[in-house]
Amino acid sequence: MLAVNAPTVVLASAQTKFLGPVVVGDRVEAEAAVDRTDGRKRWVKVVVRRAGAPVFEGEFLAVVPDQHILDR
């Protein structure tokens, strides 16, 4: 949601892969970027790394509505 950088973002779908274990105390770094855009749709790719090695990958479909869903 932060990568989309819009006031209101709705998660429409997620495809994720867990590639390795993470335990309490591990330091992880996440990187997210909008991969493509089509109208209000944003596909966001995410990679999470532990010690430089990927432990999680995902592609998220986010939608940017005209207004907040509770304001309707």
PDB file of N, CA and C in Angstrom:
ATOM      1  N   MET A   1       0.828  -1.185   0.000  1.00  0.00           N
ATOM      2  CA  MET A   1       0.000   0.000   0.000  1.00  0.00           C
ATOM      3  C   MET A   1       0.873   1.250   0.000  1.00  0.00           C
ATOM      4  N   LEU A   2       1.962   1.195   0.708  1.00  0.00           N
ATOM      5  CA  LEU A   2       2.857   2.351   0.773  1.00  0.00           C
ATOM      6  C   LEU A   2       3.492   2.637  -0.592  1.00  0.00           C
ATOM      7  N   ALA A   3       3.785   1.597  -1.357  1.00  0.00           N
ATOM      8  CA  ALA A   3       4.390   1.779  -2.675  1.00  0.00           C
ATOM      9  C   ALA A   3       3.436   2.479  -3.639  1.00  0.00           C
ATOM     10  N   VAL A   4       2.139   2.271  -3.473  1.00  0.00           N
ATOM     11  CA  VAL A   4       1.148   2.905  -4.358  1.00  0.00           C
ATOM     12  C   VAL A   4       1.084   4.406  -4.089  1.00  0.00           C
ATOM     13  N   ASN A   5       1.243   4.798  -2.847  1.00  0.00           N
ATOM     14  CA  ASN A   5       1.327   6.212  -2.457  1.00  0.00           C
ATOM     15  C   ASN A   5       0.089   7.010  -2.867  1.00  0.00           C
ATOM     16  N   ALA A   6      -1.074   6.501  -2.495  1.00  0.00           N
ATOM     17  CA  ALA A   6      -2.334   7.209  -2.733  1.00  0.00           C
ATOM     18  C   ALA A   6      -3.085   7.306  -1.406  1.00  0.00           C
ATOM     19  N   PRO A   7      -3.981   8.296  -1.265  1.00  0.00           N
ATOM     20  CA  PRO A   7      -4.698   8.458   0.006  1.00  0.00           C
ATOM     21  C   PRO A   7      -5.537   7.241   0.385  1.00  0.00           C
ATOM     22  N   THR A   8      -6.120   6.571  -0.626  1.00  0.00           N
ATOM     23  CA  THR A   8      -6.940   5.389  -0.365  1.00  0.00           C
ATOM     24  C   THR A   8      -6.528   4.288  -1.323  1.00  0.00           C
ATOM     25  N   VAL A   9      -6.220   3.116  -0.772  1.00  0.00           N
ATOM     26  CA  VAL A   9      -5.814   1.969  -1.576  1.00  0.00           C
ATOM     27  C   VAL A   9      -6.547   0.744  -1.051  1.00  0.00           C
ATOM     28  N   VAL A  10      -7.071  -0.064  -1.974  1.00  0.00           N
ATOM     29  CA  VAL A  10      -7.772  -1.291  -1.602  1.00  0.00           C
ATOM     30  C   VAL A  10      -7.005  -2.472  -2.188  1.00  0.00           C
ATOM     31  N   LEU A  11      -6.710  -3.465  -1.366  1.00  0.00           N
ATOM     32  CA  LEU A  11      -6.043  -4.668  -1.835  1.00  0.00           C
ATOM     33  C   LEU A  11      -7.072  -5.571  -2.509  1.00  0.00           C
ATOM     34  N   ALA A  12      -6.841  -5.907  -3.780  1.00  0.00           N
ATOM     35  CA  ALA A  12      -7.771  -6.734  -4.536  1.00  0.00           C
ATOM     36  C   ALA A  12      -7.335  -8.193  -4.576  1.00  0.00           C
ATOM     37  N   SER A  13      -6.026  -8.457  -4.649  1.00  0.00           N
ATOM     38  CA  SER A  13      -5.546  -9.839  -4.644  1.00  0.00           C
ATOM     39  C   SER A  13      -4.071  -9.867  -4.279  1.00  0.00           C
ATOM     40  N   ALA A  14      -3.613 -11.050  -3.905  1.00  0.00           N
ATOM     41  CA  ALA A  14      -2.211 -11.235  -3.546  1.00  0.00           C
ATOM     42  C   ALA A  14      -1.764 -12.633  -3.943  1.00  0.00           C
ATOM     43  N   GLN A  15      -0.610 -12.701  -4.560  1.00  0.00           N
ATOM     44  CA  GLN A  15       0.034 -13.978  -4.855  1.00  0.00           C
ATOM     45  C   GLN A  15       1.389 -13.938  -4.164  1.00  0.00           C
ATOM     46  N   THR A  16       1.602 -14.853  -3.231  1.00  0.00           N
ATOM     47  CA  THR A  16       2.818 -14.796  -2.427  1.00  0.00           C
ATOM     48  C   THR A  16       3.538 -16.133  -2.414  1.00  0.00           C
ATOM     49  N   LYS A  17       4.853 -16.053  -2.190  1.00  0.00           N
ATOM     50  CA  LYS A  17       5.695 -17.238  -2.044  1.00  0.00           C
ATOM     51  C   LYS A  17       6.594 -17.031  -0.827  1.00  0.00           C
ATOM     52  N   PHE A  18       6.588 -17.989   0.053  1.00  0.00           N
ATOM     53  CA  PHE A  18       7.515 -17.974   1.183  1.00  0.00           C
ATOM     54  C   PHE A  18       8.703 -18.842   0.782  1.00  0.00           C
ATOM     55  N   LEU A  19       9.885 -18.242   0.732  1.00  0.00           N
ATOM     56  CA  LEU A  19      11.059 -18.900   0.185  1.00  0.00           C
ATOM     57  C   LEU A  19      12.027 -19.408   1.238  1.00  0.00           C
ATOM     58  N   GLY A  20      11.902 -18.927   2.453  1.00  0.00           N
ATOM     59  CA  GLY A  20      12.831 -19.346   3.495  1.00  0.00           C
ATOM     60  C   GLY A  20      12.311 -18.956   4.857  1.00  0.00           C
ATOM     61  N   PRO A  21      12.875 -19.567   5.883  1.00  0.00           N
ATOM     62  CA  PRO A  21      12.393 -19.296   7.238  1.00  0.00           C
ATOM     63  C   PRO A  21      12.911 -17.973   7.788  1.00  0.00           C
ATOM     64  N   VAL A  22      12.118 -17.419   8.675  1.00  0.00           N
ATOM     65  CA  VAL A  22      12.489 -16.233   9.442  1.00  0.00           C
ATOM     66  C   VAL A  22      12.091 -16.519  10.879  1.00  0.00           C
ATOM     67  N   VAL A  23      12.979 -16.233  11.801  1.00  0.00           N
ATOM     68  CA  VAL A  23      12.679 -16.479  13.207  1.00  0.00           C
ATOM     69  C   VAL A  23      12.700 -15.156  13.966  1.00  0.00           C
ATOM     70  N   VAL A  24      12.090 -15.159  15.124  1.00  0.00           N
ATOM     71  CA  VAL A  24      12.046 -13.966  15.959  1.00  0.00           C
ATOM     72  C   VAL A  24      13.474 -13.482  16.194  1.00  0.00           C
ATOM     73  N   GLY A  25      13.676 -12.190  15.964  1.00  0.00           N
ATOM     74  CA  GLY A  25      14.989 -11.603  16.145  1.00  0.00           C
ATOM     75  C   GLY A  25      15.734 -11.388  14.832  1.00  0.00           C
ATOM     76  N   ASP A  26      15.310 -12.074  13.749  1.00  0.00           N
ATOM     77  CA  ASP A  26      15.936 -11.859  12.453  1.00  0.00           C
ATOM     78  C   ASP A  26      15.613 -10.457  11.953  1.00  0.00           C
ATOM     79  N   ARG A  27      16.578  -9.843  11.309  1.00  0.00           N
ATOM     80  CA  ARG A  27      16.346  -8.538  10.675  1.00  0.00           C
ATOM     81  C   ARG A  27      16.025  -8.805   9.202  1.00  0.00           C
ATOM     82  N   VAL A  28      14.915  -8.259   8.743  1.00  0.00           N
ATOM     83  CA  VAL A  28      14.521  -8.415   7.347  1.00  0.00           C
ATOM     84  C   VAL A  28      14.345  -7.038   6.714  1.00  0.00           C
ATOM     85  N   GLU A  29      14.549  -6.969   5.407  1.00  0.00           N
ATOM     86  CA  GLU A  29      14.351  -5.742   4.657  1.00  0.00           C
ATOM     87  C   GLU A  29      13.379  -6.021   3.530  1.00  0.00           C
ATOM     88  N   ALA A  30      12.365  -5.169   3.407  1.00  0.00           N
ATOM     89  CA  ALA A  30      11.352  -5.325   2.365  1.00  0.00           C
ATOM     90  C   ALA A  30      11.515  -4.222   1.326  1.00  0.00           C
ATOM     91  N   GLU A  31      11.346  -4.606   0.085  1.00  0.00           N
ATOM     92  CA  GLU A  31      11.392  -3.662  -1.025  1.00  0.00           C
ATOM     93  C   GLU A  31      10.122  -3.847  -1.845  1.00  0.00           C
ATOM     94  N   ALA A  32       9.409  -2.764  -2.109  1.00  0.00           N
ATOM     95  CA  ALA A  32       8.174  -2.824  -2.882  1.00  0.00           C
ATOM     96  C   ALA A  32       8.186  -1.728  -3.938  1.00  0.00           C
ATOM     97  N   ALA A  33       7.666  -2.057  -5.121  1.00  0.00           N
ATOM     98  CA  ALA A  33       7.596  -1.088  -6.203  1.00  0.00           C
ATOM     99  C   ALA A  33       6.400  -1.398  -7.086  1.00  0.00           C
ATOM    100  N   VAL A  34       5.789  -0.346  -7.591  1.00  0.00           N
ATOM    101  CA  VAL A  34       4.696  -0.522  -8.550  1.00  0.00           C
ATOM    102  C   VAL A  34       5.323  -1.011  -9.849  1.00  0.00           C
ATOM    103  N   ASP A  35       4.905  -2.195 -10.282  1.00  0.00           N
ATOM    104  CA  ASP A  35       5.457  -2.832 -11.474  1.00  0.00           C
ATOM    105  C   ASP A  35       4.746  -2.359 -12.739  1.00  0.00           C
ATOM    106  N   ARG A  36       3.422  -2.184 -12.642  1.00  0.00           N
ATOM    107  CA  ARG A  36       2.652  -1.680 -13.784  1.00  0.00           C
ATOM    108  C   ARG A  36       1.354  -1.065 -13.305  1.00  0.00           C
ATOM    109  N   THR A  37       0.772  -0.255 -14.184  1.00  0.00           N
ATOM    110  CA  THR A  37      -0.453   0.477 -13.878  1.00  0.00           C
ATOM    111  C   THR A  37      -1.406   0.342 -15.050  1.00  0.00           C
ATOM    112  N   ASP A  38      -2.693   0.184 -14.724  1.00  0.00           N
ATOM    113  CA  ASP A  38      -3.738   0.175 -15.750  1.00  0.00           C
ATOM    114  C   ASP A  38      -4.964   0.851 -15.150  1.00  0.00           C
ATOM    115  N   GLY A  39      -5.166   2.117 -15.485  1.00  0.00           N
ATOM    116  CA  GLY A  39      -6.269   2.873 -14.897  1.00  0.00           C
ATOM    117  C   GLY A  39      -6.078   3.002 -13.396  1.00  0.00           C
ATOM    118  N   ARG A  40      -7.037   2.485 -12.642  1.00  0.00           N
ATOM    119  CA  ARG A  40      -6.961   2.557 -11.171  1.00  0.00           C
ATOM    120  C   ARG A  40      -6.195   1.379 -10.565  1.00  0.00           C
ATOM    121  N   LYS A  41      -5.838   0.401 -11.371  1.00  0.00           N
ATOM    122  CA  LYS A  41      -5.162  -0.798 -10.876  1.00  0.00           C
ATOM    123  C   LYS A  41      -3.651  -0.583 -10.821  1.00  0.00           C
ATOM    124  N   ARG A  42      -3.050  -1.106  -9.759  1.00  0.00           N
ATOM    125  CA  ARG A  42      -1.601  -1.053  -9.578  1.00  0.00           C
ATOM    126  C   ARG A  42      -1.113  -2.444  -9.182  1.00  0.00           C
ATOM    127  N   TRP A  43      -0.155  -2.975  -9.925  1.00  0.00           N
ATOM    128  CA  TRP A  43       0.463  -4.245  -9.565  1.00  0.00           C
ATOM    129  C   TRP A  43       1.767  -3.923  -8.859  1.00  0.00           C
ATOM    130  N   VAL A  44       1.886  -4.416  -7.643  1.00  0.00           N
ATOM    131  CA  VAL A  44       3.042  -4.108  -6.792  1.00  0.00           C
ATOM    132  C   VAL A  44       3.836  -5.387  -6.551  1.00  0.00           C
ATOM    133  N   LYS A  45       5.130  -5.333  -6.853  1.00  0.00           N
ATOM    134  CA  LYS A  45       6.025  -6.461  -6.583  1.00  0.00           C
ATOM    135  C   LYS A  45       6.761  -6.189  -5.278  1.00  0.00           C
ATOM    136  N   VAL A  46       6.855  -7.225  -4.461  1.00  0.00           N
ATOM    137  CA  VAL A  46       7.491  -7.115  -3.149  1.00  0.00           C
ATOM    138  C   VAL A  46       8.504  -8.239  -2.983  1.00  0.00           C
ATOM    139  N   VAL A  47       9.667  -7.898  -2.460  1.00  0.00           N
ATOM    140  CA  VAL A  47      10.678  -8.888  -2.092  1.00  0.00           C
ATOM    141  C   VAL A  47      11.124  -8.567  -0.674  1.00  0.00           C
ATOM    142  N   VAL A  48      11.169  -9.599   0.166  1.00  0.00           N
ATOM    143  CA  VAL A  48      11.683  -9.450   1.530  1.00  0.00           C
ATOM    144  C   VAL A  48      12.946 -10.296   1.624  1.00  0.00           C
ATOM    145  N   ARG A  49      14.009  -9.689   2.162  1.00  0.00           N
ATOM    146  CA  ARG A  49      15.296 -10.386   2.266  1.00  0.00           C
ATOM    147  C   ARG A  49      15.766 -10.448   3.714  1.00  0.00           C
ATOM    148  N   ARG A  50      16.439 -11.546   4.008  1.00  0.00           N
ATOM    149  CA  ARG A  50      17.118 -11.718   5.294  1.00  0.00           C
ATOM    150  C   ARG A  50      18.573 -11.996   4.962  1.00  0.00           C
ATOM    151  N   ALA A  51      19.470 -11.166   5.436  1.00  0.00           N
ATOM    152  CA  ALA A  51      20.905 -11.296   5.156  1.00  0.00           C
ATOM    153  C   ALA A  51      21.166 -11.338   3.654  1.00  0.00           C
ATOM    154  N   GLY A  52      20.381 -10.561   2.897  1.00  0.00           N
ATOM    155  CA  GLY A  52      20.570 -10.476   1.455  1.00  0.00           C
ATOM    156  C   GLY A  52      19.879 -11.552   0.635  1.00  0.00           C
ATOM    157  N   ALA A  53      19.375 -12.590   1.301  1.00  0.00           N
ATOM    158  CA  ALA A  53      18.726 -13.701   0.597  1.00  0.00           C
ATOM    159  C   ALA A  53      17.206 -13.536   0.642  1.00  0.00           C
ATOM    160  N   PRO A  54      16.536 -13.712  -0.485  1.00  0.00           N
ATOM    161  CA  PRO A  54      15.068 -13.576  -0.484  1.00  0.00           C
ATOM    162  C   PRO A  54      14.400 -14.648   0.382  1.00  0.00           C
ATOM    163  N   VAL A  55      13.462 -14.211   1.221  1.00  0.00           N
ATOM    164  CA  VAL A  55      12.678 -15.147   2.037  1.00  0.00           C
ATOM    165  C   VAL A  55      11.186 -15.044   1.719  1.00  0.00           C
ATOM    166  N   PHE A  56      10.816 -14.017   0.927  1.00  0.00           N
ATOM    167  CA  PHE A  56       9.413 -13.809   0.565  1.00  0.00           C
ATOM    168  C   PHE A  56       9.359 -13.026  -0.734  1.00  0.00           C
ATOM    169  N   GLU A  57       8.455 -13.442  -1.626  1.00  0.00           N
ATOM    170  CA  GLU A  57       8.170 -12.685  -2.840  1.00  0.00           C
ATOM    171  C   GLU A  57       6.665 -12.608  -3.002  1.00  0.00           C
ATOM    172  N   GLY A  58       6.190 -11.502  -3.522  1.00  0.00           N
ATOM    173  CA  GLY A  58       4.761 -11.382  -3.740  1.00  0.00           C
ATOM    174  C   GLY A  58       4.423 -10.377  -4.814  1.00  0.00           C
ATOM    175  N   GLU A  59       3.261 -10.592  -5.424  1.00  0.00           N
ATOM    176  CA  GLU A  59       2.695  -9.613  -6.337  1.00  0.00           C
ATOM    177  C   GLU A  59       1.300  -9.300  -5.828  1.00  0.00           C
ATOM    178  N   PHE A  60       1.050  -8.028  -5.616  1.00  0.00           N
ATOM    179  CA  PHE A  60      -0.211  -7.574  -5.060  1.00  0.00           C
ATOM    180  C   PHE A  60      -0.923  -6.701  -6.079  1.00  0.00           C
ATOM    181  N   LEU A  61      -2.214  -6.910  -6.231  1.00  0.00           N
ATOM    182  CA  LEU A  61      -3.032  -6.045  -7.074  1.00  0.00           C
ATOM    183  C   LEU A  61      -3.776  -5.091  -6.156  1.00  0.00           C
ATOM    184  N   ALA A  62      -3.497  -3.816  -6.317  1.00  0.00           N
ATOM    185  CA  ALA A  62      -4.147  -2.787  -5.509  1.00  0.00           C
ATOM    186  C   ALA A  62      -4.987  -1.914  -6.430  1.00  0.00           C
ATOM    187  N   VAL A  63      -6.090  -1.415  -5.900  1.00  0.00           N
ATOM    188  CA  VAL A  63      -6.974  -0.530  -6.648  1.00  0.00           C
ATOM    189  C   VAL A  63      -7.077   0.798  -5.905  1.00  0.00           C
ATOM    190  N   VAL A  64      -6.991   1.888  -6.656  1.00  0.00           N
ATOM    191  CA  VAL A  64      -7.099   3.226  -6.081  1.00  0.00           C
ATOM    192  C   VAL A  64      -8.510   3.742  -6.404  1.00  0.00           C
ATOM    193  N   PRO A  65      -9.423   3.718  -5.416  1.00  0.00           N
ATOM    194  CA  PRO A  65     -10.791   4.192  -5.673  1.00  0.00           C
ATOM    195  C   PRO A  65     -10.850   5.729  -5.705  1.00  0.00           C
ATOM    196  N   ASP A  66     -11.960   6.227  -6.275  1.00  0.00           N
ATOM    197  CA  ASP A  66     -12.154   7.688  -6.324  1.00  0.00           C
ATOM    198  C   ASP A  66     -12.286   8.295  -4.946  1.00  0.00           C
ATOM    199  N   GLN A  67     -12.903   7.538  -4.019  1.00  0.00           N
ATOM    200  CA  GLN A  67     -13.089   8.024  -2.650  1.00  0.00           C
ATOM    201  C   GLN A  67     -13.006   6.841  -1.696  1.00  0.00           C
ATOM    202  N   HIS A  68     -12.868   7.151  -0.422  1.00  0.00           N
ATOM    203  CA  HIS A  68     -12.795   6.108   0.596  1.00  0.00           C
ATOM    204  C   HIS A  68     -14.103   5.329   0.596  1.00  0.00           C
ATOM    205  N   ILE A  69     -14.022   4.032   0.758  1.00  0.00           N
ATOM    206  CA  ILE A  69     -15.204   3.164   0.698  1.00  0.00           C
ATOM    207  C   ILE A  69     -16.242   3.528   1.758  1.00  0.00           C
ATOM    208  N   LEU A  70     -15.821   4.067   2.897  1.00  0.00           N
ATOM    209  CA  LEU A  70     -16.767   4.434   3.960  1.00  0.00           C
ATOM    210  C   LEU A  70     -17.420   5.801   3.723  1.00  0.00           C
ATOM    211  N   ASP A  71     -16.921   6.542   2.731  1.00  0.00           N
ATOM    212  CA  ASP A  71     -17.484   7.863   2.426  1.00  0.00           C
ATOM    213  C   ASP A  71     -18.637   7.786   1.422  1.00  0.00           C
ATOM    214  N   ARG A  72     -19.049   6.601   1.042  1.00  0.00           N
ATOM    215  CA  ARG A  72     -20.119   6.461   0.049  1.00  0.00           C
ATOM    216  C   ARG A  72     -21.472   6.567   0.670  1.00  0.00           C
TER     217      ARG A  72
END
